[in-house]
Amino acid sequence: TLSLSKAIVIRLLPYSIFSTVPTILRDIVDTETIYNRQRLKCYLKGIDDKKKDLTLILSRSDKNFIRNLFKEHIQEVSEGIITIESVSRVAGIRSKVAVYSKDPNIDAKGSCIGPDGTRVMSIKTEVNDERIDVVQYTDKFKSLTIVNISVSTISLP
């Protein structure tokens, strides 16, 4: 399965990062600055085996990057007590994560946010303070849409 990957940047080129393993970093977030010798967490999007050596295709803007950061930082998500039903992301600006728990005694949204926002803040630091909204998932499309719009700010040109 594809998941988070850690790499140390050795040399930077446009659209390519030479790291401790041959990699191509696609989907770079525009607001991020990447330096030599920097440690990065990335989402392993795929493996390119067309060349002689295998090349890992990494991403920091894929919505699955956020999904896997939640699995890494929130124990209830990694154990399957809380499920991430949907992730919507505009990389570098905002992510919305819809969470759900089958157990009625567990507040999925509150568990993901944590006391004083500490759990979601640890994920925010991984994505350079991108805004992360956690919403309670409902199977009723109309209710979920109203909840998502209520936490959004819409600006027109």
Protein backbone atom coordinates (compact mmCIF):
# COMPACT_ATOMS: atom_id res chain seq x y z
CA THR A 1 0.00 0.00 0.00
CA LEU A 2 1.12 3.54 -0.62
CA SER A 3 1.86 5.61 2.44
CA LEU A 4 4.08 8.25 3.97
CA SER A 5 7.72 8.21 3.08
CA LYS A 6 10.64 10.07 4.64
CA ALA A 7 13.57 11.35 2.64
CA ILE A 8 16.55 13.62 3.11
CA VAL A 9 17.01 16.11 0.28
CA ILE A 10 20.47 15.89 -1.26
CA ARG A 11 20.13 18.04 -4.39
CA LEU A 12 17.28 20.11 -5.82
CA LEU A 13 16.36 20.54 -9.47
CA PRO A 14 13.11 21.87 -10.93
CA TYR A 15 10.49 19.13 -10.38
CA SER A 16 13.07 16.66 -9.13
CA ILE A 17 14.69 16.05 -5.79
CA PHE A 18 17.63 13.77 -5.48
CA SER A 19 17.43 12.19 -2.07
CA THR A 20 18.67 9.15 -0.23
CA VAL A 21 16.71 7.09 -2.78
CA PRO A 22 15.98 8.02 -6.41
CA THR A 23 12.82 10.11 -6.24
CA ILE A 24 10.70 12.50 -8.20
CA LEU A 25 8.77 14.94 -6.05
CA ARG A 26 5.65 15.84 -7.96
CA ASP A 27 2.86 18.08 -6.81
CA ILE A 28 5.04 20.45 -4.81
CA VAL A 29 3.07 22.96 -2.76
CA ASP A 30 3.67 26.45 -4.14
CA THR A 31 4.00 28.03 -0.70
CA GLU A 32 6.71 25.64 0.47
CA THR A 33 10.41 26.23 0.29
CA ILE A 34 12.57 23.12 0.21
CA TYR A 35 16.24 23.20 1.13
CA ASN A 36 19.19 20.87 0.71
CA ARG A 37 19.60 18.43 3.61
CA GLN A 38 16.01 19.05 4.71
CA ARG A 39 14.00 16.10 6.03
CA LEU A 40 10.63 15.82 4.35
CA LYS A 41 7.55 13.70 4.82
CA CYS A 42 5.89 12.92 1.53
CA TYR A 43 3.14 10.71 0.21
CA LEU A 44 4.39 7.82 -1.89
CA LYS A 45 2.15 8.24 -4.92
CA GLY A 46 3.63 5.53 -7.06
CA ILE A 47 6.69 3.76 -8.38
CA ASP A 48 8.10 4.36 -11.85
CA ASP A 49 9.83 1.19 -13.01
CA LYS A 50 10.21 2.19 -16.68
CA LYS A 51 13.88 3.10 -16.26
CA LYS A 52 16.76 0.89 -15.20
CA ASP A 53 16.41 1.95 -11.57
CA LEU A 54 13.15 2.20 -9.68
CA THR A 55 12.07 5.78 -9.06
CA LEU A 56 9.71 6.71 -6.26
CA ILE A 57 7.07 9.32 -7.12
CA LEU A 58 6.42 11.47 -4.06
CA SER A 59 3.84 14.16 -3.39
CA ARG A 60 3.24 16.75 -0.68
CA SER A 61 0.04 18.16 -2.20
CA ASP A 62 -2.01 15.00 -2.66
CA LYS A 63 -5.09 14.68 -0.46
CA ASN A 64 -3.87 11.25 0.63
CA PHE A 65 -0.87 12.99 2.23
CA ILE A 66 -3.31 14.59 4.71
CA ARG A 67 -5.13 11.27 5.18
CA ASN A 68 -1.86 9.53 6.07
CA LEU A 69 -0.75 12.34 8.40
CA PHE A 70 -4.01 11.81 10.31
CA LYS A 71 -3.23 8.08 10.52
CA GLU A 72 0.26 8.84 11.81
CA HIS A 73 -0.67 11.51 14.38
CA ILE A 74 -4.07 10.31 15.66
CA GLN A 75 -4.11 6.90 17.30
CA GLU A 76 -7.88 6.37 16.92
CA VAL A 77 -7.56 6.83 13.15
CA SER A 78 -4.63 4.43 12.86
CA GLU A 79 -6.52 1.83 14.93
CA GLY A 80 -9.67 2.20 12.81
CA ILE A 81 -11.87 3.50 15.64
CA ILE A 82 -12.33 6.72 13.66
CA THR A 83 -12.52 6.59 9.87
CA ILE A 84 -11.69 9.36 7.44
CA GLU A 85 -14.61 9.34 5.03
CA SER A 86 -13.50 12.17 2.77
CA VAL A 87 -10.65 14.62 2.27
CA SER A 88 -10.80 17.75 0.17
CA ARG A 89 -7.66 19.83 -0.28
CA VAL A 90 -6.34 22.97 -1.87
CA ALA A 91 -2.67 22.38 -1.12
CA GLY A 92 -0.98 25.13 0.84
CA ILE A 93 -4.26 26.85 1.68
CA ARG A 94 -6.88 24.59 3.23
CA SER A 95 -7.91 21.00 3.81
CA LYS A 96 -11.29 19.68 4.92
CA VAL A 97 -11.44 16.27 6.53
CA ALA A 98 -14.75 14.50 7.17
CA VAL A 99 -14.43 11.98 10.02
CA TYR A 100 -16.81 9.36 11.41
CA SER A 101 -16.97 6.82 14.22
CA LYS A 102 -19.40 3.89 14.43
CA ASP A 103 -19.17 4.06 18.22
CA PRO A 104 -21.72 6.64 19.44
CA ASN A 105 -19.60 7.24 22.59
CA ILE A 106 -16.70 8.61 20.55
CA ASP A 107 -16.70 12.17 19.24
CA ALA A 108 -14.75 11.71 16.01
CA LYS A 109 -14.34 15.41 15.31
CA GLY A 110 -13.28 16.25 18.87
CA SER A 111 -10.85 13.33 19.00
CA CYS A 112 -9.15 14.46 15.81
CA ILE A 113 -8.92 18.08 16.93
CA GLY A 114 -7.71 17.15 20.43
CA PRO A 115 -7.59 19.24 23.59
CA ASP A 116 -6.97 22.88 22.66
CA GLY A 117 -6.42 21.76 19.05
CA THR A 118 -3.13 20.00 19.85
CA ARG A 119 -3.67 16.96 17.60
CA VAL A 120 -4.64 18.88 14.50
CA MET A 121 -1.90 21.45 15.21
CA SER A 122 0.76 18.73 14.96
CA ILE A 123 -0.57 17.92 11.49
CA LYS A 124 -0.67 21.64 10.57
CA THR A 125 3.04 21.98 11.33
CA GLU A 126 3.79 19.16 8.86
CA VAL A 127 2.02 21.12 6.08
CA ASN A 128 3.40 24.58 6.91
CA ASP A 129 0.37 25.86 8.84
CA GLU A 130 -2.15 25.06 6.13
CA ARG A 131 -5.66 25.49 7.53
CA ILE A 132 -7.27 22.14 8.40
CA ASP A 133 -11.00 21.93 9.03
CA VAL A 134 -12.30 18.75 10.64
CA VAL A 135 -16.03 18.11 10.16
CA GLN A 136 -18.32 15.34 11.37
CA TYR A 137 -19.27 13.09 8.45
CA THR A 138 -22.92 12.39 7.79
CA ASP A 139 -24.35 10.16 5.09
CA LYS A 140 -26.96 12.77 4.27
CA PHE A 141 -25.47 14.80 1.43
CA LYS A 142 -27.52 17.92 2.17
CA SER A 143 -26.44 18.03 5.83
CA LEU A 144 -22.77 17.50 4.98
CA THR A 145 -22.89 20.25 2.36
CA ILE A 146 -24.45 22.72 4.82
CA VAL A 147 -21.82 21.89 7.47
CA ASN A 148 -18.96 22.31 4.98
CA ILE A 149 -20.25 25.60 3.62
CA SER A 150 -20.84 26.94 7.11
CA VAL A 151 -17.12 26.72 7.95
CA SER A 152 -16.03 28.15 4.60
CA THR A 153 -15.42 31.73 3.67
CA ILE A 154 -16.48 32.54 0.15
CA SER A 155 -14.95 35.58 -1.50
CA LEU A 156 -15.98 36.82 -4.90
CA PRO A 157 -13.76 38.86 -7.21
